[in-house]
N, C-alpha and C. Protein backbone atom coordinates (compact mmCIF):
# COMPACT_ATOMS: atom_id res chain seq x y z
N MET A 1 -1.82 24.70 26.88
CA MET A 1 -2.33 24.56 25.50
C MET A 1 -3.74 24.00 25.55
N SER A 2 -4.67 24.60 24.80
CA SER A 2 -6.05 24.14 24.81
C SER A 2 -6.17 22.83 24.05
N SER A 3 -7.27 22.10 24.29
CA SER A 3 -7.47 20.83 23.59
C SER A 3 -7.63 21.05 22.10
N ALA A 4 -8.27 22.19 21.72
CA ALA A 4 -8.45 22.48 20.29
C ALA A 4 -7.10 22.68 19.62
N ALA A 5 -6.20 23.41 20.32
CA ALA A 5 -4.87 23.63 19.74
C ALA A 5 -4.08 22.34 19.65
N ALA A 6 -4.28 21.48 20.67
CA ALA A 6 -3.55 20.22 20.68
C ALA A 6 -3.96 19.32 19.53
N GLU A 7 -5.22 19.44 19.07
CA GLU A 7 -5.71 18.59 18.00
C GLU A 7 -5.36 19.13 16.61
N THR A 8 -4.88 20.37 16.54
CA THR A 8 -4.52 20.95 15.26
C THR A 8 -3.19 20.38 14.78
N ASN A 9 -3.17 19.99 13.54
CA ASN A 9 -1.96 19.40 12.97
C ASN A 9 -1.75 20.01 11.59
N PRO A 10 -1.14 21.20 11.52
CA PRO A 10 -0.98 21.85 10.21
C PRO A 10 -0.10 21.03 9.29
N MET A 11 -0.60 20.78 8.10
CA MET A 11 0.13 20.03 7.08
C MET A 11 -0.04 20.77 5.75
N TRP A 12 0.70 20.33 4.76
CA TRP A 12 0.57 20.90 3.42
C TRP A 12 0.24 19.77 2.46
N ALA A 13 -0.72 20.06 1.57
CA ALA A 13 -1.14 19.10 0.55
C ALA A 13 -0.82 19.67 -0.82
N ARG A 14 -0.32 18.82 -1.68
CA ARG A 14 -0.05 19.25 -3.05
C ARG A 14 -0.59 18.22 -4.03
N ILE A 15 -1.23 18.70 -5.08
CA ILE A 15 -1.62 17.86 -6.21
C ILE A 15 -0.80 18.30 -7.40
N ARG A 16 -0.10 17.35 -8.00
CA ARG A 16 0.76 17.66 -9.16
C ARG A 16 0.67 16.54 -10.17
N LEU A 17 1.14 16.83 -11.38
CA LEU A 17 1.26 15.79 -12.39
C LEU A 17 2.30 14.77 -11.98
N ALA A 18 1.95 13.52 -12.03
CA ALA A 18 2.91 12.46 -11.75
C ALA A 18 3.82 12.28 -12.95
N ASP A 19 5.01 11.74 -12.68
CA ASP A 19 5.95 11.45 -13.76
C ASP A 19 6.58 10.09 -13.52
N ALA A 20 7.51 9.72 -14.37
CA ALA A 20 8.09 8.37 -14.30
C ALA A 20 8.77 8.09 -12.97
N GLY A 21 9.27 9.13 -12.31
CA GLY A 21 9.91 8.92 -11.01
C GLY A 21 8.95 8.51 -9.92
N ASP A 22 7.66 8.65 -10.18
CA ASP A 22 6.64 8.30 -9.19
C ASP A 22 6.11 6.87 -9.34
N VAL A 23 6.61 6.14 -10.33
CA VAL A 23 6.07 4.81 -10.62
C VAL A 23 6.06 3.88 -9.41
N PRO A 24 7.13 3.80 -8.61
CA PRO A 24 7.06 2.89 -7.45
C PRO A 24 5.89 3.21 -6.52
N ASN A 25 5.66 4.49 -6.24
CA ASN A 25 4.53 4.85 -5.38
C ASN A 25 3.20 4.62 -6.08
N ILE A 26 3.14 4.89 -7.37
CA ILE A 26 1.90 4.64 -8.11
C ILE A 26 1.55 3.16 -8.06
N HIS A 27 2.54 2.31 -8.23
CA HIS A 27 2.30 0.87 -8.18
C HIS A 27 1.78 0.47 -6.81
N ARG A 28 2.36 1.01 -5.75
CA ARG A 28 1.89 0.68 -4.40
C ARG A 28 0.47 1.21 -4.15
N LEU A 29 0.18 2.39 -4.67
CA LEU A 29 -1.16 2.95 -4.51
C LEU A 29 -2.19 2.11 -5.27
N LEU A 30 -1.83 1.67 -6.46
CA LEU A 30 -2.74 0.82 -7.24
C LEU A 30 -3.00 -0.51 -6.54
N LEU A 31 -1.97 -1.07 -5.95
CA LEU A 31 -2.16 -2.31 -5.19
C LEU A 31 -3.09 -2.06 -4.01
N GLY A 32 -2.94 -0.91 -3.34
CA GLY A 32 -3.85 -0.58 -2.25
C GLY A 32 -5.28 -0.45 -2.72
N LEU A 33 -5.47 0.11 -3.90
CA LEU A 33 -6.82 0.21 -4.47
C LEU A 33 -7.39 -1.17 -4.76
N ALA A 34 -6.57 -2.05 -5.34
CA ALA A 34 -7.03 -3.41 -5.63
C ALA A 34 -7.42 -4.14 -4.35
N GLN A 35 -6.67 -3.93 -3.29
CA GLN A 35 -7.00 -4.55 -2.01
C GLN A 35 -8.31 -4.00 -1.46
N TYR A 36 -8.49 -2.70 -1.56
CA TYR A 36 -9.72 -2.06 -1.08
C TYR A 36 -10.95 -2.58 -1.83
N GLU A 37 -10.80 -2.82 -3.13
CA GLU A 37 -11.92 -3.27 -3.95
C GLU A 37 -12.02 -4.79 -4.03
N ASN A 38 -11.18 -5.50 -3.26
CA ASN A 38 -11.18 -6.96 -3.28
C ASN A 38 -10.93 -7.52 -4.68
N GLN A 39 -9.99 -6.89 -5.39
CA GLN A 39 -9.70 -7.28 -6.77
C GLN A 39 -8.23 -7.65 -6.97
N THR A 40 -7.54 -8.06 -5.91
CA THR A 40 -6.12 -8.37 -6.06
C THR A 40 -5.88 -9.54 -7.01
N HIS A 41 -6.87 -10.42 -7.18
CA HIS A 41 -6.70 -11.54 -8.09
C HIS A 41 -6.61 -11.08 -9.55
N GLN A 42 -7.02 -9.83 -9.82
CA GLN A 42 -6.93 -9.29 -11.18
C GLN A 42 -5.75 -8.33 -11.34
N PHE A 43 -5.02 -8.10 -10.26
CA PHE A 43 -3.95 -7.11 -10.30
C PHE A 43 -2.67 -7.74 -10.84
N THR A 44 -2.29 -7.36 -12.05
CA THR A 44 -1.07 -7.89 -12.68
C THR A 44 -0.08 -6.78 -13.05
N ALA A 45 -0.41 -5.54 -12.75
CA ALA A 45 0.47 -4.42 -13.10
C ALA A 45 1.81 -4.55 -12.37
N THR A 46 2.86 -4.17 -13.03
CA THR A 46 4.20 -4.12 -12.44
C THR A 46 4.75 -2.71 -12.66
N GLU A 47 5.82 -2.40 -11.97
CA GLU A 47 6.45 -1.10 -12.20
C GLU A 47 6.90 -0.97 -13.65
N SER A 48 7.40 -2.05 -14.20
CA SER A 48 7.87 -2.02 -15.60
C SER A 48 6.72 -1.78 -16.57
N SER A 49 5.60 -2.47 -16.36
CA SER A 49 4.48 -2.30 -17.29
C SER A 49 3.86 -0.92 -17.16
N LEU A 50 3.85 -0.37 -15.96
CA LEU A 50 3.34 1.00 -15.78
C LEU A 50 4.26 2.00 -16.47
N SER A 51 5.56 1.83 -16.30
CA SER A 51 6.52 2.75 -16.93
C SER A 51 6.39 2.72 -18.44
N ALA A 52 6.08 1.55 -18.99
CA ALA A 52 6.01 1.39 -20.44
C ALA A 52 4.73 1.95 -21.04
N THR A 53 3.69 2.13 -20.22
CA THR A 53 2.39 2.50 -20.79
C THR A 53 1.86 3.86 -20.33
N LEU A 54 2.40 4.41 -19.25
CA LEU A 54 1.94 5.70 -18.75
C LEU A 54 2.84 6.84 -19.24
N PHE A 55 2.46 8.04 -18.92
CA PHE A 55 3.25 9.25 -19.14
C PHE A 55 3.52 9.54 -20.62
N PRO A 56 2.45 9.78 -21.37
CA PRO A 56 2.63 10.21 -22.75
C PRO A 56 3.15 11.65 -22.78
N SER A 57 3.46 12.11 -23.97
CA SER A 57 4.03 13.45 -24.10
C SER A 57 2.99 14.55 -23.93
N SER A 58 1.71 14.22 -24.01
CA SER A 58 0.66 15.24 -23.92
C SER A 58 -0.33 14.90 -22.81
N PRO A 59 -0.03 15.29 -21.57
CA PRO A 59 -0.98 15.04 -20.48
C PRO A 59 -2.34 15.67 -20.79
N PHE A 60 -3.39 15.06 -20.28
CA PHE A 60 -4.78 15.47 -20.45
C PHE A 60 -5.31 15.15 -21.84
N ARG A 61 -4.43 14.76 -22.75
CA ARG A 61 -4.87 14.27 -24.06
C ARG A 61 -4.69 12.77 -24.15
N SER A 62 -4.18 12.17 -23.11
CA SER A 62 -4.01 10.72 -23.01
C SER A 62 -4.04 10.35 -21.53
N PHE A 63 -3.48 9.21 -21.17
CA PHE A 63 -3.47 8.77 -19.77
C PHE A 63 -2.77 9.81 -18.91
N THR A 64 -3.40 10.20 -17.83
CA THR A 64 -2.85 11.25 -16.96
C THR A 64 -3.06 10.86 -15.50
N ILE A 65 -2.05 11.09 -14.68
CA ILE A 65 -2.18 10.85 -13.24
C ILE A 65 -1.84 12.12 -12.49
N LEU A 66 -2.74 12.51 -11.59
CA LEU A 66 -2.46 13.56 -10.63
C LEU A 66 -2.18 12.89 -9.29
N LEU A 67 -1.07 13.27 -8.69
CA LEU A 67 -0.63 12.65 -7.44
C LEU A 67 -0.86 13.60 -6.27
N LEU A 68 -1.39 13.06 -5.18
CA LEU A 68 -1.60 13.82 -3.95
C LEU A 68 -0.44 13.55 -2.99
N GLU A 69 0.22 14.62 -2.55
CA GLU A 69 1.31 14.50 -1.59
C GLU A 69 0.95 15.28 -0.32
N ILE A 70 1.31 14.74 0.83
CA ILE A 70 1.09 15.38 2.11
C ILE A 70 2.44 15.56 2.80
N SER A 71 2.66 16.74 3.39
CA SER A 71 3.93 17.00 4.03
C SER A 71 3.74 17.82 5.30
N PRO A 72 4.56 17.59 6.32
CA PRO A 72 4.52 18.43 7.51
C PRO A 72 5.20 19.77 7.28
N ASN A 73 5.86 19.92 6.14
CA ASN A 73 6.59 21.14 5.81
C ASN A 73 5.99 21.78 4.55
N PRO A 74 6.12 23.09 4.41
CA PRO A 74 5.64 23.74 3.18
C PRO A 74 6.26 23.08 1.95
N ILE A 75 5.42 22.86 0.95
CA ILE A 75 5.87 22.21 -0.29
C ILE A 75 6.06 23.27 -1.35
N ASN A 76 7.19 23.25 -2.01
CA ASN A 76 7.46 24.18 -3.09
C ASN A 76 6.51 23.90 -4.25
N ASP A 77 5.71 24.89 -4.64
CA ASP A 77 4.78 24.68 -5.74
C ASP A 77 5.36 25.10 -7.09
N ASP A 78 6.65 25.40 -7.12
CA ASP A 78 7.29 25.86 -8.34
C ASP A 78 7.83 24.67 -9.13
N LEU A 79 6.90 23.91 -9.71
CA LEU A 79 7.28 22.79 -10.57
C LEU A 79 6.90 23.17 -12.00
N PRO A 80 7.84 23.67 -12.77
CA PRO A 80 7.50 24.19 -14.10
C PRO A 80 6.90 23.11 -14.99
N ASN A 81 5.68 23.31 -15.40
CA ASN A 81 5.02 22.40 -16.32
C ASN A 81 3.91 23.19 -17.01
N PRO A 82 3.97 23.33 -18.31
CA PRO A 82 2.96 24.14 -19.01
C PRO A 82 1.57 23.52 -18.99
N ASP A 83 1.48 22.24 -18.65
CA ASP A 83 0.19 21.56 -18.73
C ASP A 83 -0.62 21.64 -17.44
N PHE A 84 0.05 21.83 -16.29
CA PHE A 84 -0.69 21.82 -15.03
C PHE A 84 0.12 22.53 -13.95
N THR A 85 -0.50 23.52 -13.32
CA THR A 85 0.11 24.20 -12.19
C THR A 85 -0.26 23.46 -10.92
N PRO A 86 0.71 23.00 -10.15
CA PRO A 86 0.38 22.26 -8.93
C PRO A 86 -0.56 23.03 -8.01
N ILE A 87 -1.43 22.30 -7.36
CA ILE A 87 -2.35 22.87 -6.38
C ILE A 87 -1.76 22.62 -5.00
N VAL A 88 -1.52 23.66 -4.24
CA VAL A 88 -0.92 23.53 -2.92
C VAL A 88 -1.83 24.20 -1.89
N ARG A 89 -2.13 23.48 -0.82
CA ARG A 89 -2.98 24.01 0.24
C ARG A 89 -2.42 23.66 1.61
N ARG A 90 -2.58 24.58 2.53
CA ARG A 90 -2.30 24.28 3.93
C ARG A 90 -3.57 23.70 4.52
N VAL A 91 -3.47 22.57 5.18
CA VAL A 91 -4.63 21.90 5.75
C VAL A 91 -4.37 21.62 7.22
N ASP A 92 -5.39 21.81 8.03
CA ASP A 92 -5.29 21.53 9.45
C ASP A 92 -5.94 20.19 9.74
N LEU A 93 -5.13 19.19 9.97
CA LEU A 93 -5.61 17.85 10.21
C LEU A 93 -5.58 17.53 11.70
N GLY A 94 -6.41 16.60 12.09
CA GLY A 94 -6.29 16.06 13.43
C GLY A 94 -5.09 15.12 13.46
N PRO A 95 -4.93 14.36 14.54
CA PRO A 95 -3.81 13.42 14.61
C PRO A 95 -3.81 12.44 13.45
N VAL A 96 -2.65 12.27 12.82
CA VAL A 96 -2.50 11.35 11.70
C VAL A 96 -1.38 10.36 12.02
N GLN A 97 -1.72 9.09 11.98
CA GLN A 97 -0.72 8.04 12.15
C GLN A 97 -0.55 7.35 10.80
N ASP A 98 0.61 7.56 10.19
CA ASP A 98 0.88 6.96 8.89
C ASP A 98 1.96 5.89 9.05
N PRO A 99 1.56 4.63 9.25
CA PRO A 99 2.56 3.58 9.48
C PRO A 99 3.39 3.26 8.24
N GLU A 100 2.97 3.74 7.07
CA GLU A 100 3.71 3.46 5.83
C GLU A 100 4.37 4.71 5.27
N ALA A 101 4.64 5.68 6.12
CA ALA A 101 5.22 6.93 5.64
C ALA A 101 6.55 6.70 4.92
N ALA A 102 7.39 5.84 5.46
CA ALA A 102 8.69 5.59 4.82
C ALA A 102 8.51 4.90 3.47
N THR A 103 7.57 3.98 3.39
CA THR A 103 7.32 3.25 2.15
C THR A 103 6.84 4.18 1.05
N PHE A 104 5.99 5.15 1.42
CA PHE A 104 5.38 6.04 0.44
C PHE A 104 6.08 7.40 0.37
N ALA A 105 7.33 7.48 0.80
CA ALA A 105 8.07 8.74 0.72
C ALA A 105 8.02 9.30 -0.70
N SER A 106 7.72 10.58 -0.81
CA SER A 106 7.56 11.20 -2.12
C SER A 106 8.88 11.35 -2.84
N ALA A 107 8.84 11.17 -4.16
CA ALA A 107 10.04 11.32 -4.97
C ALA A 107 10.41 12.78 -5.16
N ARG A 108 9.42 13.69 -5.01
CA ARG A 108 9.68 15.10 -5.31
C ARG A 108 9.04 16.05 -4.32
N GLY A 109 8.63 15.57 -3.16
CA GLY A 109 7.92 16.42 -2.23
C GLY A 109 8.75 17.01 -1.12
N GLY A 110 10.04 16.67 -1.06
CA GLY A 110 10.88 17.18 0.00
C GLY A 110 10.82 16.30 1.24
N GLU A 111 11.57 16.67 2.27
CA GLU A 111 11.68 15.89 3.48
C GLU A 111 10.32 15.74 4.17
N GLY A 112 9.98 14.51 4.49
CA GLY A 112 8.74 14.23 5.21
C GLY A 112 7.51 14.09 4.35
N ALA A 113 7.60 14.40 3.07
CA ALA A 113 6.43 14.32 2.19
C ALA A 113 6.16 12.87 1.79
N VAL A 114 4.87 12.52 1.71
CA VAL A 114 4.47 11.18 1.33
C VAL A 114 3.42 11.23 0.23
N ALA A 115 3.37 10.19 -0.58
CA ALA A 115 2.30 10.03 -1.55
C ALA A 115 1.08 9.50 -0.82
N ALA A 116 -0.01 10.26 -0.87
CA ALA A 116 -1.20 9.90 -0.11
C ALA A 116 -2.36 9.44 -0.97
N GLY A 117 -2.32 9.70 -2.26
CA GLY A 117 -3.42 9.30 -3.13
C GLY A 117 -3.16 9.71 -4.56
N PHE A 118 -4.08 9.38 -5.43
CA PHE A 118 -3.93 9.72 -6.85
C PHE A 118 -5.27 9.65 -7.55
N VAL A 119 -5.32 10.22 -8.73
CA VAL A 119 -6.44 10.03 -9.64
C VAL A 119 -5.86 9.82 -11.03
N LEU A 120 -6.37 8.81 -11.72
CA LEU A 120 -5.94 8.48 -13.08
C LEU A 120 -7.12 8.63 -14.02
N PHE A 121 -6.92 9.33 -15.12
CA PHE A 121 -8.03 9.60 -16.04
C PHE A 121 -7.50 9.75 -17.46
N PHE A 122 -8.43 9.78 -18.42
CA PHE A 122 -8.05 9.92 -19.82
C PHE A 122 -9.25 10.43 -20.61
N PRO A 123 -9.05 10.94 -21.82
CA PRO A 123 -10.15 11.50 -22.59
C PRO A 123 -11.11 10.44 -23.11
N ASN A 124 -12.36 10.81 -23.19
CA ASN A 124 -13.34 10.04 -23.95
C ASN A 124 -14.14 11.03 -24.79
N TYR A 125 -15.23 10.59 -25.35
CA TYR A 125 -15.96 11.47 -26.27
C TYR A 125 -17.46 11.23 -26.14
N SER A 126 -18.23 12.30 -26.11
CA SER A 126 -19.69 12.21 -26.11
C SER A 126 -20.21 12.60 -27.48
N THR A 127 -20.80 11.63 -28.18
CA THR A 127 -21.39 11.95 -29.49
C THR A 127 -22.62 12.83 -29.33
N PHE A 128 -23.37 12.67 -28.22
CA PHE A 128 -24.56 13.48 -28.01
C PHE A 128 -24.21 14.94 -27.77
N LEU A 129 -23.11 15.18 -27.05
CA LEU A 129 -22.66 16.54 -26.82
C LEU A 129 -21.74 17.06 -27.92
N ALA A 130 -21.19 16.12 -28.70
CA ALA A 130 -20.17 16.46 -29.69
C ALA A 130 -19.00 17.17 -29.04
N LYS A 131 -18.62 16.63 -27.86
CA LYS A 131 -17.50 17.20 -27.12
C LYS A 131 -16.70 16.07 -26.47
N PRO A 132 -15.39 16.28 -26.32
CA PRO A 132 -14.63 15.32 -25.52
C PRO A 132 -14.95 15.48 -24.04
N GLY A 133 -14.56 14.47 -23.27
CA GLY A 133 -14.71 14.53 -21.82
C GLY A 133 -13.51 13.84 -21.18
N LEU A 134 -13.57 13.69 -19.88
CA LEU A 134 -12.53 12.96 -19.16
C LEU A 134 -13.18 11.82 -18.41
N TYR A 135 -12.58 10.65 -18.53
CA TYR A 135 -13.06 9.47 -17.81
C TYR A 135 -12.09 9.14 -16.68
N VAL A 136 -12.59 9.11 -15.46
CA VAL A 136 -11.77 8.78 -14.30
C VAL A 136 -11.76 7.27 -14.11
N GLU A 137 -10.61 6.68 -14.33
CA GLU A 137 -10.47 5.23 -14.17
C GLU A 137 -10.29 4.86 -12.71
N ASP A 138 -9.44 5.60 -11.99
CA ASP A 138 -9.15 5.28 -10.59
C ASP A 138 -9.03 6.55 -9.77
N LEU A 139 -9.60 6.52 -8.57
CA LEU A 139 -9.44 7.57 -7.58
C LEU A 139 -9.22 6.88 -6.25
N PHE A 140 -8.10 7.19 -5.58
CA PHE A 140 -7.76 6.46 -4.37
C PHE A 140 -6.98 7.35 -3.41
N VAL A 141 -7.38 7.28 -2.14
CA VAL A 141 -6.66 7.95 -1.07
C VAL A 141 -6.35 6.90 -0.01
N ARG A 142 -5.11 6.88 0.45
CA ARG A 142 -4.73 5.90 1.45
C ARG A 142 -5.56 6.06 2.73
N GLU A 143 -5.79 4.95 3.43
CA GLU A 143 -6.76 4.90 4.52
C GLU A 143 -6.54 5.98 5.58
N CYS A 144 -5.31 6.22 6.00
CA CYS A 144 -5.08 7.17 7.09
C CYS A 144 -5.35 8.61 6.69
N TYR A 145 -5.55 8.86 5.39
CA TYR A 145 -5.83 10.22 4.92
C TYR A 145 -7.26 10.38 4.40
N ARG A 146 -8.09 9.37 4.58
CA ARG A 146 -9.47 9.46 4.10
C ARG A 146 -10.33 10.30 5.03
N ARG A 147 -11.49 10.72 4.47
CA ARG A 147 -12.48 11.53 5.20
C ARG A 147 -11.88 12.85 5.69
N ARG A 148 -10.96 13.37 4.89
CA ARG A 148 -10.34 14.67 5.22
C ARG A 148 -10.43 15.64 4.05
N GLY A 149 -11.21 15.29 3.04
CA GLY A 149 -11.42 16.18 1.90
C GLY A 149 -10.47 16.00 0.75
N PHE A 150 -9.56 15.02 0.83
CA PHE A 150 -8.56 14.87 -0.23
C PHE A 150 -9.13 14.22 -1.49
N GLY A 151 -10.09 13.31 -1.34
CA GLY A 151 -10.73 12.73 -2.52
C GLY A 151 -11.46 13.81 -3.31
N ARG A 152 -12.15 14.68 -2.60
CA ARG A 152 -12.83 15.80 -3.26
C ARG A 152 -11.83 16.72 -3.94
N MET A 153 -10.69 16.95 -3.28
CA MET A 153 -9.66 17.81 -3.84
C MET A 153 -9.13 17.24 -5.15
N LEU A 154 -8.90 15.93 -5.21
CA LEU A 154 -8.42 15.29 -6.42
C LEU A 154 -9.45 15.35 -7.54
N LEU A 155 -10.69 14.98 -7.24
CA LEU A 155 -11.72 14.98 -8.27
C LEU A 155 -12.03 16.39 -8.74
N SER A 156 -11.99 17.35 -7.83
CA SER A 156 -12.22 18.74 -8.21
C SER A 156 -11.14 19.23 -9.18
N ALA A 157 -9.91 18.76 -9.00
CA ALA A 157 -8.83 19.15 -9.90
C ALA A 157 -9.10 18.64 -11.32
N VAL A 158 -9.62 17.43 -11.42
CA VAL A 158 -9.96 16.88 -12.74
C VAL A 158 -11.11 17.67 -13.36
N ALA A 159 -12.14 17.94 -12.57
CA ALA A 159 -13.29 18.68 -13.09
C ALA A 159 -12.90 20.09 -13.53
N ALA A 160 -12.03 20.73 -12.76
CA ALA A 160 -11.59 22.08 -13.12
C ALA A 160 -10.83 22.07 -14.44
N LYS A 161 -9.99 21.04 -14.63
CA LYS A 161 -9.24 20.95 -15.88
C LYS A 161 -10.16 20.68 -17.06
N ALA A 162 -11.16 19.82 -16.86
CA ALA A 162 -12.12 19.54 -17.93
C ALA A 162 -12.88 20.81 -18.33
N ALA A 163 -13.31 21.58 -17.34
CA ALA A 163 -14.02 22.82 -17.64
C ALA A 163 -13.10 23.81 -18.35
N GLU A 164 -11.86 23.89 -17.90
CA GLU A 164 -10.89 24.80 -18.51
C GLU A 164 -10.64 24.46 -19.98
N MET A 165 -10.64 23.16 -20.29
CA MET A 165 -10.37 22.72 -21.66
C MET A 165 -11.61 22.73 -22.53
N GLY A 166 -12.76 23.11 -21.96
CA GLY A 166 -13.99 23.15 -22.73
C GLY A 166 -14.62 21.80 -22.96
N PHE A 167 -14.26 20.81 -22.15
CA PHE A 167 -14.83 19.48 -22.27
C PHE A 167 -16.27 19.47 -21.75
N GLY A 168 -17.01 18.44 -22.16
CA GLY A 168 -18.43 18.40 -21.85
C GLY A 168 -18.81 17.67 -20.59
N ARG A 169 -17.92 16.81 -20.05
CA ARG A 169 -18.30 16.01 -18.88
C ARG A 169 -17.10 15.33 -18.27
N VAL A 170 -17.27 14.89 -17.05
CA VAL A 170 -16.33 14.00 -16.36
C VAL A 170 -17.15 12.81 -15.90
N GLU A 171 -16.67 11.61 -16.18
CA GLU A 171 -17.41 10.39 -15.84
C GLU A 171 -16.54 9.42 -15.07
N TRP A 172 -17.19 8.54 -14.31
CA TRP A 172 -16.48 7.47 -13.60
C TRP A 172 -17.51 6.44 -13.18
N THR A 173 -17.05 5.31 -12.67
CA THR A 173 -17.95 4.27 -12.18
C THR A 173 -17.72 4.07 -10.68
N VAL A 174 -18.74 3.50 -10.03
CA VAL A 174 -18.68 3.24 -8.58
C VAL A 174 -19.16 1.82 -8.33
N LEU A 175 -18.46 1.09 -7.50
CA LEU A 175 -18.90 -0.25 -7.12
C LEU A 175 -20.22 -0.16 -6.38
N ASP A 176 -21.14 -1.10 -6.67
CA ASP A 176 -22.50 -0.97 -6.15
C ASP A 176 -22.59 -1.10 -4.63
N TRP A 177 -21.55 -1.67 -3.98
CA TRP A 177 -21.59 -1.81 -2.53
C TRP A 177 -21.02 -0.60 -1.80
N ASN A 178 -20.41 0.32 -2.55
CA ASN A 178 -19.72 1.45 -1.93
C ASN A 178 -20.70 2.61 -1.69
N VAL A 179 -21.56 2.45 -0.70
CA VAL A 179 -22.60 3.44 -0.41
C VAL A 179 -21.99 4.79 -0.05
N ASP A 180 -20.89 4.77 0.70
CA ASP A 180 -20.25 6.02 1.09
C ASP A 180 -19.80 6.81 -0.13
N ALA A 181 -19.30 6.09 -1.14
CA ALA A 181 -18.86 6.76 -2.36
C ALA A 181 -20.04 7.38 -3.10
N PHE A 182 -21.16 6.67 -3.17
CA PHE A 182 -22.35 7.24 -3.80
C PHE A 182 -22.72 8.56 -3.14
N ARG A 183 -22.77 8.58 -1.82
CA ARG A 183 -23.16 9.80 -1.10
C ARG A 183 -22.15 10.92 -1.34
N PHE A 184 -20.87 10.55 -1.32
CA PHE A 184 -19.81 11.54 -1.52
C PHE A 184 -19.94 12.20 -2.89
N TYR A 185 -20.12 11.39 -3.94
CA TYR A 185 -20.19 11.94 -5.28
C TYR A 185 -21.46 12.76 -5.49
N GLU A 186 -22.56 12.32 -4.90
CA GLU A 186 -23.79 13.08 -5.03
C GLU A 186 -23.66 14.45 -4.37
N LYS A 187 -22.96 14.51 -3.24
CA LYS A 187 -22.74 15.79 -2.58
C LYS A 187 -21.90 16.73 -3.44
N MET A 188 -21.06 16.15 -4.29
CA MET A 188 -20.26 16.97 -5.20
C MET A 188 -21.06 17.44 -6.41
N GLY A 189 -22.29 16.98 -6.53
CA GLY A 189 -23.13 17.38 -7.65
C GLY A 189 -23.19 16.38 -8.77
N ALA A 190 -22.59 15.20 -8.58
CA ALA A 190 -22.59 14.18 -9.63
C ALA A 190 -23.94 13.47 -9.69
N GLU A 191 -24.33 13.09 -10.89
CA GLU A 191 -25.55 12.32 -11.12
C GLU A 191 -25.19 10.84 -11.20
N VAL A 192 -25.81 10.03 -10.38
CA VAL A 192 -25.59 8.58 -10.40
C VAL A 192 -26.62 7.96 -11.35
N LEU A 193 -26.15 7.14 -12.28
CA LEU A 193 -27.02 6.58 -13.32
C LEU A 193 -27.18 5.08 -13.11
N PRO A 194 -28.15 4.67 -12.30
CA PRO A 194 -28.28 3.25 -11.96
C PRO A 194 -28.71 2.37 -13.13
N GLU A 195 -29.26 2.97 -14.20
CA GLU A 195 -29.74 2.16 -15.31
C GLU A 195 -28.64 1.69 -16.23
N TRP A 196 -27.41 2.19 -16.05
CA TRP A 196 -26.29 1.80 -16.90
C TRP A 196 -25.51 0.66 -16.28
N ARG A 197 -24.99 -0.22 -17.13
CA ARG A 197 -24.16 -1.33 -16.68
C ARG A 197 -22.88 -1.35 -17.50
N ILE A 198 -21.80 -1.77 -16.87
CA ILE A 198 -20.51 -1.85 -17.56
C ILE A 198 -20.39 -3.19 -18.28
N CYS A 199 -19.96 -3.16 -19.52
CA CYS A 199 -19.65 -4.37 -20.28
C CYS A 199 -18.14 -4.39 -20.52
N LYS A 200 -17.53 -5.55 -20.38
CA LYS A 200 -16.08 -5.62 -20.47
C LYS A 200 -15.63 -6.88 -21.19
N LEU A 201 -14.72 -6.70 -22.14
CA LEU A 201 -13.99 -7.81 -22.75
C LEU A 201 -12.55 -7.71 -22.28
N SER A 202 -12.03 -8.78 -21.67
CA SER A 202 -10.65 -8.76 -21.21
C SER A 202 -10.12 -10.18 -21.15
N GLY A 203 -8.81 -10.31 -20.91
CA GLY A 203 -8.21 -11.63 -20.75
C GLY A 203 -8.44 -12.53 -21.95
N GLY A 204 -8.81 -13.76 -21.68
CA GLY A 204 -9.02 -14.74 -22.74
C GLY A 204 -10.15 -14.38 -23.67
N ALA A 205 -11.20 -13.75 -23.12
CA ALA A 205 -12.33 -13.36 -23.96
C ALA A 205 -11.90 -12.34 -25.01
N LEU A 206 -11.00 -11.43 -24.63
CA LEU A 206 -10.49 -10.45 -25.58
C LEU A 206 -9.53 -11.09 -26.57
N GLU A 207 -8.64 -11.95 -26.07
CA GLU A 207 -7.65 -12.58 -26.94
C GLU A 207 -8.28 -13.44 -28.01
N ALA A 208 -9.51 -13.92 -27.74
CA ALA A 208 -10.21 -14.74 -28.74
C ALA A 208 -10.46 -13.98 -30.04
N TYR A 209 -10.42 -12.66 -29.97
CA TYR A 209 -10.67 -11.84 -31.15
C TYR A 209 -9.39 -11.46 -31.88
N ARG A 210 -8.25 -11.89 -31.36
CA ARG A 210 -6.98 -11.57 -32.03
C ARG A 210 -6.99 -12.06 -33.47
N GLY A 211 -6.54 -11.23 -34.36
CA GLY A 211 -6.50 -11.59 -35.78
C GLY A 211 -7.79 -11.31 -36.51
N GLY A 212 -8.77 -10.73 -35.80
CA GLY A 212 -10.01 -10.35 -36.46
C GLY A 212 -11.01 -11.46 -36.60
N GLY A 213 -10.79 -12.59 -35.92
CA GLY A 213 -11.72 -13.71 -36.01
C GLY A 213 -13.05 -13.38 -35.37
N ASP A 214 -14.12 -13.97 -35.87
CA ASP A 214 -15.47 -13.79 -35.32
C ASP A 214 -15.73 -14.92 -34.34
N VAL A 215 -15.86 -14.57 -33.07
CA VAL A 215 -16.04 -15.60 -32.03
C VAL A 215 -17.52 -15.90 -31.85
């Protein structure tokens, strides 16, 4: 066997709409994102709170999660859903060591399938364009599956859906220290807007406005 053949590791990747059965993996993926961004001190989400607030009846018109699954076996792409046809691709990976494969076992991916990443987004609106758009709140791929094109695959799925729906834009934010992310998004054709800053009211600062009081 040649060295090139030895390094080939055929796998199957699927992107599908997440559902309530995926909450345990979504919670673990979100915790992994918080750890990556050094924000675990702000992470208070639980499986119960996620179940209570995600998965509205109209995906793409409210909070929506696309889940990335990786499997050593072909994944059935016949998941009937009028809102989104799963994206399934055969990918040739190099050696992959996934020490958390059992922890991230997929709820619907079949034997050997694992949850490898996700993207969470929801609609926003551009008054200048007079069109809705999609805002990407979180995009995350587990470490052992990074730099293999899966982040691009997830974001491309969101962009394709936005274009299909006639939306005007897809937006997201990037931490200022994440130089690799800046380069990655620019290669995808995204425009980085350094003159914009995020403003946020949360926690006690937000609660101070409860009841309509002027703080």
